[in-house]
């Protein structure tokens, strides 16, 4: 367990395994279940860092510097701190209702989605759907898509003709951490990339 005290001493002595555990906890409460610790999120998904530290203390010990370290070093840039460092939110991936205030943007011509081969038949029939989240997540990077696909089983990379979708008036949004978001990808815009 992480101990309270001098923020820099706590942060320097923490292992990558502990950082991952804290990152998963932050994802859980900021993206899916803030009520698990009675945390209040505003309509745009922002939470008070002080409240997060206080209310999360029954589950995990957090400090301001530790939260900053997670935000800065998270390889997927899942979190964002406000300019004054007093608030935090997840960049995307919410299963709860939040308005990230993202504006529609023109995507690159091709984007990628990683999934498991066991889902291919359904995707060929119905396309990529929201599931429990607000958007379908797409990447400009095949490697990142592969990493996502591996979480669900034998991976497959799907290539999405996002430029054609945009021309057909489908909306795309770009999250703060570079993940492209859309509400649905119809099957006709999807091919297998690997």
N, C-alpha and C. Protein backbone atom coordinates (compact mmCIF):
# COMPACT_ATOMS: atom_id res chain seq x y z
N UNK A 1 0.84 -1.19 0.00
CA UNK A 1 0.00 0.00 0.00
C UNK A 1 0.88 1.24 0.00
N UNK A 2 0.40 2.26 -0.66
CA UNK A 2 1.11 3.52 -0.74
C UNK A 2 0.87 4.29 0.55
N UNK A 3 1.92 4.88 1.07
CA UNK A 3 1.76 5.60 2.33
C UNK A 3 1.66 7.09 2.08
N UNK A 4 0.94 7.75 2.98
CA UNK A 4 0.83 9.20 2.91
C UNK A 4 2.10 9.80 3.48
N UNK A 5 2.26 11.07 3.22
CA UNK A 5 3.42 11.76 3.75
C UNK A 5 4.00 12.66 2.69
N UNK A 6 5.31 12.79 2.67
CA UNK A 6 5.99 13.62 1.70
C UNK A 6 5.65 13.13 0.30
N UNK A 7 5.00 13.99 -0.50
CA UNK A 7 4.57 13.60 -1.84
C UNK A 7 5.71 13.08 -2.70
N UNK A 8 6.84 13.78 -2.74
CA UNK A 8 7.92 13.35 -3.63
C UNK A 8 8.53 12.04 -3.16
N UNK A 9 8.66 11.81 -1.88
CA UNK A 9 9.20 10.54 -1.39
C UNK A 9 8.25 9.40 -1.75
N UNK A 10 6.95 9.62 -1.60
CA UNK A 10 5.97 8.60 -1.94
C UNK A 10 6.03 8.29 -3.43
N UNK A 11 6.08 9.31 -4.25
CA UNK A 11 6.08 9.13 -5.70
C UNK A 11 7.34 8.41 -6.16
N UNK A 12 8.50 8.74 -5.62
CA UNK A 12 9.75 8.13 -6.05
C UNK A 12 9.84 6.66 -5.68
N UNK A 13 9.16 6.23 -4.62
CA UNK A 13 9.31 4.86 -4.15
C UNK A 13 8.23 3.92 -4.68
N UNK A 14 7.41 4.38 -5.58
CA UNK A 14 6.29 3.57 -6.04
C UNK A 14 6.70 2.72 -7.25
N UNK A 15 6.23 1.50 -7.29
CA UNK A 15 6.57 0.58 -8.38
C UNK A 15 5.63 0.77 -9.56
N UNK A 16 6.04 0.26 -10.72
CA UNK A 16 5.18 0.33 -11.91
C UNK A 16 3.89 -0.45 -11.68
N UNK A 17 3.98 -1.55 -10.96
CA UNK A 17 2.79 -2.34 -10.65
C UNK A 17 1.79 -1.52 -9.84
N UNK A 18 2.29 -0.76 -8.86
CA UNK A 18 1.42 0.09 -8.05
C UNK A 18 0.84 1.23 -8.89
N UNK A 19 1.66 1.81 -9.78
CA UNK A 19 1.16 2.87 -10.66
C UNK A 19 0.03 2.35 -11.54
N UNK A 20 0.19 1.13 -12.06
CA UNK A 20 -0.85 0.52 -12.88
C UNK A 20 -2.13 0.31 -12.08
N UNK A 21 -1.97 -0.13 -10.85
CA UNK A 21 -3.14 -0.34 -9.98
C UNK A 21 -3.87 0.97 -9.75
N UNK A 22 -3.14 2.03 -9.50
CA UNK A 22 -3.75 3.34 -9.27
C UNK A 22 -4.41 3.85 -10.55
N UNK A 23 -3.76 3.66 -11.69
CA UNK A 23 -4.33 4.07 -12.96
C UNK A 23 -5.65 3.35 -13.23
N UNK A 24 -5.71 2.06 -12.93
CA UNK A 24 -6.95 1.29 -13.10
C UNK A 24 -8.04 1.81 -12.16
N UNK A 25 -7.65 2.15 -10.95
CA UNK A 25 -8.61 2.72 -10.00
C UNK A 25 -9.16 4.04 -10.53
N UNK A 26 -8.27 4.91 -11.01
CA UNK A 26 -8.71 6.20 -11.55
C UNK A 26 -9.63 6.00 -12.74
N UNK A 27 -9.31 5.06 -13.63
CA UNK A 27 -10.17 4.76 -14.77
C UNK A 27 -11.55 4.31 -14.29
N UNK A 28 -11.57 3.46 -13.30
CA UNK A 28 -12.82 2.94 -12.77
C UNK A 28 -13.71 4.07 -12.25
N UNK A 29 -13.15 4.94 -11.41
CA UNK A 29 -14.00 5.97 -10.78
C UNK A 29 -14.24 7.17 -11.69
N UNK A 30 -13.34 7.47 -12.62
CA UNK A 30 -13.52 8.64 -13.48
C UNK A 30 -14.25 8.31 -14.79
N UNK A 31 -14.26 7.02 -15.18
CA UNK A 31 -14.90 6.66 -16.45
C UNK A 31 -16.19 5.85 -16.27
N UNK A 32 -16.29 5.12 -15.16
CA UNK A 32 -17.37 4.15 -15.06
C UNK A 32 -18.22 4.24 -13.78
N UNK A 33 -17.60 4.33 -12.62
CA UNK A 33 -18.36 4.23 -11.36
C UNK A 33 -17.90 5.24 -10.30
N UNK A 34 -18.11 6.52 -10.52
CA UNK A 34 -17.73 7.49 -9.48
C UNK A 34 -18.48 7.24 -8.18
N UNK A 35 -19.68 6.68 -8.29
CA UNK A 35 -20.47 6.43 -7.09
C UNK A 35 -19.85 5.37 -6.19
N UNK A 36 -18.90 4.59 -6.69
CA UNK A 36 -18.24 3.57 -5.87
C UNK A 36 -17.52 4.20 -4.68
N UNK A 37 -17.09 5.46 -4.84
CA UNK A 37 -16.47 6.17 -3.71
C UNK A 37 -17.22 7.46 -3.40
N UNK A 38 -18.45 7.57 -3.92
CA UNK A 38 -19.28 8.76 -3.72
C UNK A 38 -18.59 10.02 -4.25
N UNK A 39 -17.92 9.88 -5.42
CA UNK A 39 -17.21 10.99 -6.06
C UNK A 39 -18.18 11.74 -6.97
N UNK A 40 -18.10 13.05 -6.93
CA UNK A 40 -18.94 13.89 -7.77
C UNK A 40 -18.18 14.30 -9.02
N UNK A 41 -18.79 14.02 -10.20
CA UNK A 41 -18.25 14.50 -11.47
C UNK A 41 -19.21 15.56 -12.00
N UNK A 42 -18.66 16.61 -12.62
CA UNK A 42 -19.55 17.58 -13.24
C UNK A 42 -19.99 17.05 -14.61
N UNK A 43 -20.76 17.81 -15.34
CA UNK A 43 -21.33 17.34 -16.61
C UNK A 43 -20.27 17.03 -17.66
N UNK A 44 -19.08 17.58 -17.49
CA UNK A 44 -17.99 17.32 -18.43
C UNK A 44 -17.00 16.28 -17.90
N UNK A 45 -17.35 15.62 -16.81
CA UNK A 45 -16.52 14.54 -16.28
C UNK A 45 -15.41 14.96 -15.34
N UNK A 46 -15.35 16.22 -14.96
CA UNK A 46 -14.31 16.71 -14.06
C UNK A 46 -14.65 16.39 -12.61
N UNK A 47 -13.63 16.00 -11.85
CA UNK A 47 -13.75 15.76 -10.41
C UNK A 47 -12.70 16.59 -9.69
N UNK A 48 -12.99 16.97 -8.50
CA UNK A 48 -12.03 17.67 -7.66
C UNK A 48 -10.93 16.69 -7.24
N UNK A 49 -9.68 17.08 -7.43
CA UNK A 49 -8.56 16.24 -7.01
C UNK A 49 -8.60 16.04 -5.50
N UNK A 50 -8.89 17.09 -4.75
CA UNK A 50 -8.96 16.98 -3.28
C UNK A 50 -10.04 15.98 -2.87
N UNK A 51 -11.21 16.04 -3.52
CA UNK A 51 -12.29 15.11 -3.21
C UNK A 51 -11.89 13.68 -3.59
N UNK A 52 -11.24 13.52 -4.73
CA UNK A 52 -10.78 12.20 -5.15
C UNK A 52 -9.81 11.60 -4.13
N UNK A 53 -8.87 12.40 -3.66
CA UNK A 53 -7.91 11.93 -2.66
C UNK A 53 -8.63 11.53 -1.37
N UNK A 54 -9.55 12.39 -0.93
CA UNK A 54 -10.28 12.13 0.32
C UNK A 54 -11.19 10.90 0.20
N UNK A 55 -12.01 10.87 -0.83
CA UNK A 55 -12.99 9.79 -0.94
C UNK A 55 -12.39 8.48 -1.43
N UNK A 56 -11.27 8.57 -2.11
CA UNK A 56 -10.60 7.34 -2.56
C UNK A 56 -9.78 6.69 -1.46
N UNK A 57 -9.61 7.38 -0.33
CA UNK A 57 -8.72 6.90 0.73
C UNK A 57 -9.16 5.57 1.33
N UNK A 58 -10.44 5.23 1.21
CA UNK A 58 -10.89 3.93 1.74
C UNK A 58 -10.44 2.78 0.83
N UNK A 59 -10.07 3.10 -0.41
CA UNK A 59 -9.67 2.08 -1.39
C UNK A 59 -8.18 2.10 -1.68
N UNK A 60 -7.62 3.31 -1.74
CA UNK A 60 -6.22 3.47 -2.16
C UNK A 60 -5.73 4.83 -1.66
N UNK A 61 -4.47 4.94 -1.37
CA UNK A 61 -3.94 6.22 -0.90
C UNK A 61 -3.36 6.99 -2.07
N UNK A 62 -3.82 8.23 -2.22
CA UNK A 62 -3.39 9.09 -3.31
C UNK A 62 -2.81 10.38 -2.74
N UNK A 63 -1.94 11.00 -3.52
CA UNK A 63 -1.42 12.33 -3.21
C UNK A 63 -1.52 13.17 -4.48
N UNK A 64 -1.40 14.47 -4.34
CA UNK A 64 -1.40 15.35 -5.51
C UNK A 64 -0.29 14.98 -6.49
N UNK A 65 0.92 14.79 -5.98
CA UNK A 65 2.05 14.46 -6.87
C UNK A 65 1.89 13.10 -7.53
N UNK A 66 1.33 12.16 -6.82
CA UNK A 66 1.11 10.83 -7.39
C UNK A 66 0.09 10.91 -8.53
N UNK A 67 -0.96 11.67 -8.34
CA UNK A 67 -1.96 11.85 -9.40
C UNK A 67 -1.31 12.54 -10.60
N UNK A 68 -0.51 13.56 -10.36
CA UNK A 68 0.20 14.24 -11.47
C UNK A 68 1.10 13.25 -12.21
N UNK A 69 1.80 12.40 -11.47
CA UNK A 69 2.68 11.42 -12.10
C UNK A 69 1.89 10.47 -12.99
N UNK A 70 0.74 10.01 -12.52
CA UNK A 70 -0.11 9.11 -13.31
C UNK A 70 -0.56 9.82 -14.59
N UNK A 71 -1.01 11.06 -14.47
CA UNK A 71 -1.48 11.82 -15.63
C UNK A 71 -0.36 11.97 -16.66
N UNK A 72 0.82 12.34 -16.21
CA UNK A 72 1.94 12.61 -17.12
C UNK A 72 2.52 11.33 -17.72
N UNK A 73 2.60 10.27 -16.96
CA UNK A 73 3.30 9.07 -17.42
C UNK A 73 2.40 7.99 -18.00
N UNK A 74 1.09 8.12 -17.88
CA UNK A 74 0.20 7.08 -18.40
C UNK A 74 0.41 6.95 -19.90
N UNK A 75 0.78 5.75 -20.34
CA UNK A 75 1.14 5.54 -21.74
C UNK A 75 -0.01 5.79 -22.70
N UNK A 76 -1.23 5.71 -22.23
CA UNK A 76 -2.38 5.97 -23.08
C UNK A 76 -2.98 7.35 -22.85
N UNK A 77 -2.34 8.14 -22.00
CA UNK A 77 -2.79 9.50 -21.70
C UNK A 77 -4.29 9.52 -21.41
N UNK A 78 -4.69 8.66 -20.51
CA UNK A 78 -6.11 8.50 -20.19
C UNK A 78 -6.72 9.67 -19.42
N UNK A 79 -5.86 10.45 -18.75
CA UNK A 79 -6.38 11.46 -17.83
C UNK A 79 -5.86 12.85 -18.17
N UNK A 80 -6.61 13.85 -17.72
CA UNK A 80 -6.25 15.24 -17.94
C UNK A 80 -6.45 16.01 -16.64
N UNK A 81 -5.47 16.81 -16.27
CA UNK A 81 -5.60 17.72 -15.13
C UNK A 81 -5.95 19.10 -15.65
N UNK A 82 -6.77 19.82 -14.92
CA UNK A 82 -7.06 21.21 -15.27
C UNK A 82 -5.77 22.02 -15.15
N UNK A 83 -5.76 23.19 -15.77
CA UNK A 83 -4.55 24.02 -15.76
C UNK A 83 -4.08 24.34 -14.36
N UNK A 84 -5.02 24.51 -13.43
CA UNK A 84 -4.63 24.83 -12.05
C UNK A 84 -4.33 23.58 -11.22
N UNK A 85 -4.50 22.39 -11.81
CA UNK A 85 -4.21 21.14 -11.11
C UNK A 85 -5.23 20.75 -10.06
N UNK A 86 -6.35 21.45 -10.00
CA UNK A 86 -7.35 21.19 -8.97
C UNK A 86 -8.41 20.18 -9.39
N UNK A 87 -8.53 19.92 -10.70
CA UNK A 87 -9.54 19.00 -11.20
C UNK A 87 -8.90 17.98 -12.14
N UNK A 88 -9.53 16.82 -12.24
CA UNK A 88 -9.05 15.75 -13.10
C UNK A 88 -10.25 15.12 -13.81
N UNK A 89 -10.00 14.62 -15.03
CA UNK A 89 -11.03 13.85 -15.72
C UNK A 89 -10.37 12.84 -16.64
N UNK A 90 -11.15 11.87 -17.06
CA UNK A 90 -10.70 10.92 -18.07
C UNK A 90 -10.91 11.57 -19.43
N UNK A 91 -9.99 11.30 -20.37
CA UNK A 91 -10.07 11.90 -21.69
C UNK A 91 -11.16 11.28 -22.56
N UNK A 92 -11.44 10.01 -22.40
CA UNK A 92 -12.47 9.31 -23.15
C UNK A 92 -12.65 7.94 -22.54
N UNK A 93 -13.58 7.16 -23.08
CA UNK A 93 -13.80 5.81 -22.59
C UNK A 93 -14.87 5.69 -21.53
N UNK A 94 -15.66 6.73 -21.36
CA UNK A 94 -16.69 6.73 -20.33
C UNK A 94 -17.85 5.79 -20.67
N UNK A 95 -18.35 5.13 -19.66
CA UNK A 95 -19.61 4.40 -19.79
C UNK A 95 -20.74 5.17 -19.09
N UNK A 96 -20.38 6.26 -18.44
CA UNK A 96 -21.36 7.14 -17.81
C UNK A 96 -21.53 8.38 -18.69
N UNK A 97 -22.63 9.06 -18.51
CA UNK A 97 -22.92 10.22 -19.35
C UNK A 97 -22.06 11.41 -18.95
N UNK A 98 -21.22 11.86 -19.88
CA UNK A 98 -20.44 13.09 -19.73
C UNK A 98 -20.37 13.78 -21.08
N UNK A 99 -20.18 15.08 -21.06
CA UNK A 99 -20.01 15.86 -22.27
C UNK A 99 -18.57 16.36 -22.29
N UNK A 100 -17.75 15.74 -23.12
CA UNK A 100 -16.34 16.12 -23.19
C UNK A 100 -16.12 17.38 -24.01
N UNK A 101 -17.23 17.94 -24.53
CA UNK A 101 -17.17 19.19 -25.29
C UNK A 101 -16.23 19.07 -26.51
N UNK A 102 -16.29 17.93 -27.16
CA UNK A 102 -15.47 17.71 -28.35
C UNK A 102 -16.22 18.22 -29.58
N UNK A 103 -15.49 18.82 -30.48
CA UNK A 103 -16.08 19.34 -31.71
C UNK A 103 -15.81 18.38 -32.86
N UNK A 104 -16.77 18.22 -33.77
CA UNK A 104 -16.54 17.34 -34.92
C UNK A 104 -15.31 17.80 -35.72
N UNK A 105 -14.55 16.81 -36.20
CA UNK A 105 -13.35 17.09 -36.98
C UNK A 105 -13.25 16.12 -38.14
N UNK A 106 -12.55 16.54 -39.17
CA UNK A 106 -12.30 15.63 -40.29
C UNK A 106 -11.18 14.67 -39.90
N UNK A 107 -11.44 13.36 -39.99
CA UNK A 107 -10.42 12.38 -39.61
C UNK A 107 -9.44 12.13 -40.75
N UNK A 108 -8.35 11.44 -40.46
CA UNK A 108 -7.47 11.00 -41.55
C UNK A 108 -8.23 9.99 -42.42
N UNK A 109 -7.73 9.71 -43.62
CA UNK A 109 -8.45 8.81 -44.53
C UNK A 109 -8.68 7.40 -43.97
N UNK A 110 -7.72 6.90 -43.18
CA UNK A 110 -7.83 5.56 -42.61
C UNK A 110 -7.57 5.60 -41.11
N UNK A 111 -8.38 4.85 -40.38
CA UNK A 111 -8.17 4.65 -38.96
C UNK A 111 -8.25 3.15 -38.69
N UNK A 112 -7.84 2.75 -37.46
CA UNK A 112 -7.77 1.33 -37.13
C UNK A 112 -8.48 1.04 -35.81
N UNK A 113 -8.99 -0.18 -35.74
CA UNK A 113 -9.67 -0.63 -34.53
C UNK A 113 -9.18 -2.04 -34.23
N UNK A 114 -8.73 -2.25 -33.01
CA UNK A 114 -8.30 -3.58 -32.60
C UNK A 114 -9.41 -4.30 -31.87
N UNK A 115 -9.59 -5.56 -32.19
CA UNK A 115 -10.60 -6.38 -31.53
C UNK A 115 -10.13 -7.83 -31.55
N UNK A 116 -10.95 -8.73 -31.08
CA UNK A 116 -10.63 -10.16 -31.09
C UNK A 116 -11.34 -10.82 -32.26
N UNK A 117 -10.73 -11.85 -32.81
CA UNK A 117 -11.29 -12.55 -33.97
C UNK A 117 -12.69 -13.08 -33.68
N UNK A 118 -12.98 -13.42 -32.43
CA UNK A 118 -14.30 -13.97 -32.11
C UNK A 118 -15.44 -12.99 -32.34
N UNK A 119 -15.13 -11.70 -32.49
CA UNK A 119 -16.16 -10.69 -32.72
C UNK A 119 -16.36 -10.37 -34.21
N UNK A 120 -15.56 -10.96 -35.09
CA UNK A 120 -15.59 -10.58 -36.50
C UNK A 120 -16.94 -10.82 -37.16
N UNK A 121 -17.58 -11.96 -36.91
CA UNK A 121 -18.87 -12.22 -37.56
C UNK A 121 -19.90 -11.16 -37.21
N UNK A 122 -19.97 -10.79 -35.96
CA UNK A 122 -20.90 -9.75 -35.52
C UNK A 122 -20.56 -8.41 -36.17
N UNK A 123 -19.27 -8.07 -36.23
CA UNK A 123 -18.84 -6.80 -36.82
C UNK A 123 -19.17 -6.77 -38.31
N UNK A 124 -18.99 -7.90 -39.00
CA UNK A 124 -19.33 -7.95 -40.42
C UNK A 124 -20.81 -7.73 -40.66
N UNK A 125 -21.64 -8.13 -39.70
CA UNK A 125 -23.09 -7.96 -39.81
C UNK A 125 -23.55 -6.57 -39.39
N UNK A 126 -23.03 -6.10 -38.25
CA UNK A 126 -23.56 -4.88 -37.63
C UNK A 126 -22.61 -3.70 -37.62
N UNK A 127 -21.35 -3.92 -37.99
CA UNK A 127 -20.35 -2.87 -37.90
C UNK A 127 -19.82 -2.73 -36.49
N UNK A 128 -19.10 -1.67 -36.25
CA UNK A 128 -18.58 -1.38 -34.90
C UNK A 128 -19.60 -0.52 -34.18
N UNK A 129 -20.07 -1.01 -33.04
CA UNK A 129 -21.10 -0.31 -32.28
C UNK A 129 -20.53 0.18 -30.95
N UNK A 130 -21.29 1.04 -30.32
CA UNK A 130 -20.87 1.68 -29.07
C UNK A 130 -20.57 0.71 -27.93
N UNK A 131 -21.34 -0.34 -27.80
CA UNK A 131 -21.20 -1.18 -26.62
C UNK A 131 -21.62 -0.38 -25.39
N UNK A 132 -20.83 -0.45 -24.34
CA UNK A 132 -21.17 0.25 -23.09
C UNK A 132 -20.59 1.66 -23.04
N UNK A 133 -19.85 2.06 -24.06
CA UNK A 133 -19.24 3.38 -24.05
C UNK A 133 -20.02 4.34 -24.94
N UNK A 134 -19.62 5.59 -24.93
CA UNK A 134 -20.31 6.61 -25.71
C UNK A 134 -19.89 6.63 -27.17
N UNK A 135 -18.71 6.10 -27.46
CA UNK A 135 -18.19 6.14 -28.83
C UNK A 135 -17.40 4.86 -29.14
N UNK A 136 -17.28 4.61 -30.43
CA UNK A 136 -16.34 3.61 -30.93
C UNK A 136 -14.97 4.28 -30.94
N UNK A 137 -13.96 3.59 -30.45
CA UNK A 137 -12.61 4.14 -30.36
C UNK A 137 -11.78 3.67 -31.54
N UNK A 138 -11.11 4.61 -32.20
CA UNK A 138 -10.29 4.32 -33.37
C UNK A 138 -8.92 4.96 -33.20
N UNK A 139 -7.93 4.36 -33.85
CA UNK A 139 -6.55 4.80 -33.70
C UNK A 139 -5.94 5.07 -35.06
N UNK A 140 -4.97 5.97 -35.10
CA UNK A 140 -4.18 6.20 -36.31
C UNK A 140 -3.03 5.21 -36.39
N UNK A 141 -2.83 4.47 -35.33
CA UNK A 141 -1.65 3.61 -35.15
C UNK A 141 -2.04 2.13 -35.09
N UNK A 142 -1.52 1.33 -36.01
CA UNK A 142 -1.80 -0.10 -36.04
C UNK A 142 -1.31 -0.78 -34.76
N UNK A 143 -0.17 -0.35 -34.24
CA UNK A 143 0.39 -0.96 -33.03
C UNK A 143 -0.54 -0.75 -31.83
N UNK A 144 -1.07 0.45 -31.70
CA UNK A 144 -2.01 0.72 -30.60
C UNK A 144 -3.28 -0.11 -30.76
N UNK A 145 -3.77 -0.22 -31.98
CA UNK A 145 -4.97 -1.03 -32.24
C UNK A 145 -4.70 -2.50 -31.90
N UNK A 146 -3.51 -2.98 -32.21
CA UNK A 146 -3.14 -4.37 -31.90
C UNK A 146 -3.14 -4.59 -30.39
N UNK A 147 -2.60 -3.64 -29.65
CA UNK A 147 -2.56 -3.76 -28.18
C UNK A 147 -3.97 -3.84 -27.62
N UNK A 148 -4.90 -3.06 -28.17
CA UNK A 148 -6.29 -3.11 -27.72
C UNK A 148 -6.89 -4.47 -28.04
N UNK A 149 -6.69 -4.95 -29.26
CA UNK A 149 -7.23 -6.23 -29.67
C UNK A 149 -6.75 -7.39 -28.82
N UNK A 150 -5.50 -7.33 -28.39
CA UNK A 150 -4.92 -8.41 -27.59
C UNK A 150 -5.57 -8.54 -26.22
N UNK A 151 -6.21 -7.49 -25.76
CA UNK A 151 -6.88 -7.55 -24.45
C UNK A 151 -8.11 -8.46 -24.48
N UNK A 152 -8.61 -8.74 -25.67
CA UNK A 152 -9.87 -9.47 -25.79
C UNK A 152 -9.73 -10.87 -26.36
N UNK A 153 -8.51 -11.29 -26.66
CA UNK A 153 -8.30 -12.62 -27.24
C UNK A 153 -7.35 -12.54 -28.41
N UNK A 154 -7.49 -13.47 -29.35
CA UNK A 154 -6.65 -13.45 -30.55
C UNK A 154 -6.97 -12.19 -31.34
N UNK A 155 -5.97 -11.30 -31.51
CA UNK A 155 -6.28 -9.98 -32.07
C UNK A 155 -6.43 -9.97 -33.59
N UNK A 156 -7.23 -9.04 -34.03
CA UNK A 156 -7.36 -8.72 -35.44
C UNK A 156 -7.46 -7.20 -35.55
N UNK A 157 -6.85 -6.65 -36.58
CA UNK A 157 -6.89 -5.21 -36.80
C UNK A 157 -7.87 -4.92 -37.93
N UNK A 158 -8.78 -4.02 -37.66
CA UNK A 158 -9.75 -3.61 -38.67
C UNK A 158 -9.35 -2.23 -39.19
N UNK A 159 -9.39 -2.09 -40.50
CA UNK A 159 -9.11 -0.81 -41.13
C UNK A 159 -10.44 -0.13 -41.43
N UNK A 160 -10.56 1.10 -41.01
CA UNK A 160 -11.80 1.85 -41.18
C UNK A 160 -11.56 2.96 -42.20
N UNK A 161 -12.40 2.99 -43.22
CA UNK A 161 -12.32 4.03 -44.25
C UNK A 161 -12.98 5.30 -43.70
N UNK A 162 -12.30 5.92 -42.76
CA UNK A 162 -12.85 7.07 -42.05
C UNK A 162 -13.04 8.28 -42.96
N UNK A 163 -12.16 8.46 -43.93
CA UNK A 163 -12.34 9.56 -44.88
C UNK A 163 -13.63 9.42 -45.67
N UNK A 164 -13.92 8.20 -46.12
CA UNK A 164 -15.17 7.93 -46.84
C UNK A 164 -16.37 8.12 -45.91
N UNK A 165 -16.23 7.67 -44.68
CA UNK A 165 -17.32 7.86 -43.71
C UNK A 165 -17.62 9.34 -43.52
N UNK A 166 -16.55 10.13 -43.39
CA UNK A 166 -16.71 11.57 -43.19
C UNK A 166 -17.43 12.18 -44.39
N UNK A 167 -17.06 11.76 -45.58
CA UNK A 167 -17.72 12.26 -46.80
C UNK A 167 -19.20 11.87 -46.82
N UNK A 168 -19.52 10.73 -46.17
CA UNK A 168 -20.92 10.27 -46.08
C UNK A 168 -21.63 10.87 -44.86
N UNK A 169 -21.03 11.91 -44.28
CA UNK A 169 -21.61 12.70 -43.20
C UNK A 169 -21.66 12.00 -41.84
N UNK A 170 -20.74 11.09 -41.59
CA UNK A 170 -20.56 10.53 -40.25
C UNK A 170 -19.65 11.48 -39.47
N UNK A 171 -19.98 11.72 -38.21
CA UNK A 171 -19.18 12.63 -37.40
C UNK A 171 -18.05 11.90 -36.69
N UNK A 172 -16.92 12.59 -36.59
CA UNK A 172 -15.75 12.10 -35.86
C UNK A 172 -15.31 13.17 -34.88
N UNK A 173 -14.76 12.71 -33.77
CA UNK A 173 -14.24 13.60 -32.73
C UNK A 173 -12.85 13.11 -32.36
N UNK A 174 -11.99 14.03 -31.96
CA UNK A 174 -10.64 13.67 -31.53
C UNK A 174 -10.51 13.99 -30.05
N UNK A 175 -10.26 12.96 -29.23
CA UNK A 175 -10.13 13.17 -27.79
C UNK A 175 -8.79 13.83 -27.47
N UNK A 176 -8.65 14.31 -26.26
CA UNK A 176 -7.43 14.98 -25.81
C UNK A 176 -6.20 14.08 -25.93
N UNK A 177 -6.39 12.77 -25.85
CA UNK A 177 -5.25 11.86 -25.91
C UNK A 177 -5.08 11.22 -27.28
N UNK A 178 -5.69 11.80 -28.31
CA UNK A 178 -5.44 11.36 -29.67
C UNK A 178 -6.25 10.18 -30.16
N UNK A 179 -7.26 9.77 -29.40
CA UNK A 179 -8.13 8.69 -29.83
C UNK A 179 -9.27 9.29 -30.65
N UNK A 180 -9.49 8.73 -31.83
CA UNK A 180 -10.60 9.17 -32.68
C UNK A 180 -11.87 8.46 -32.23
N UNK A 181 -12.97 9.19 -32.20
CA UNK A 181 -14.24 8.68 -31.70
C UNK A 181 -15.33 8.90 -32.73
N UNK A 182 -16.22 7.92 -32.84
CA UNK A 182 -17.41 8.05 -33.68
C UNK A 182 -18.50 7.19 -33.07
N UNK A 183 -19.74 7.40 -33.46
CA UNK A 183 -20.84 6.67 -32.83
C UNK A 183 -21.03 5.27 -33.39
N UNK A 184 -20.72 5.06 -34.66
CA UNK A 184 -20.94 3.75 -35.28
C UNK A 184 -20.12 3.68 -36.56
N UNK A 185 -19.58 2.51 -36.85
CA UNK A 185 -18.89 2.30 -38.12
C UNK A 185 -19.65 1.20 -38.87
N UNK A 186 -20.39 1.56 -39.91
CA UNK A 186 -21.12 0.55 -40.68
C UNK A 186 -20.16 -0.45 -41.34
N UNK A 187 -20.61 -1.68 -41.54
CA UNK A 187 -19.75 -2.73 -42.09
C UNK A 187 -19.09 -2.37 -43.42
N UNK A 188 -19.76 -1.59 -44.25
CA UNK A 188 -19.20 -1.29 -45.58
C UNK A 188 -17.92 -0.46 -45.53
N UNK A 189 -17.64 0.16 -44.38
CA UNK A 189 -16.43 0.97 -44.24
C UNK A 189 -15.29 0.21 -43.56
N UNK A 190 -15.48 -1.08 -43.31
CA UNK A 190 -14.53 -1.87 -42.54
C UNK A 190 -13.90 -2.97 -43.40
N UNK A 191 -12.57 -3.07 -43.34
CA UNK A 191 -11.84 -4.20 -43.92
C UNK A 191 -10.86 -4.73 -42.89
N UNK A 192 -10.44 -5.96 -43.07
CA UNK A 192 -9.45 -6.54 -42.16
C UNK A 192 -8.07 -6.08 -42.61
N UNK A 193 -7.29 -5.55 -41.67
CA UNK A 193 -5.97 -5.00 -42.00
C UNK A 193 -4.85 -6.02 -41.86
N UNK A 194 -5.07 -7.11 -41.13
CA UNK A 194 -3.98 -8.09 -40.96
C UNK A 194 -4.45 -9.49 -41.28
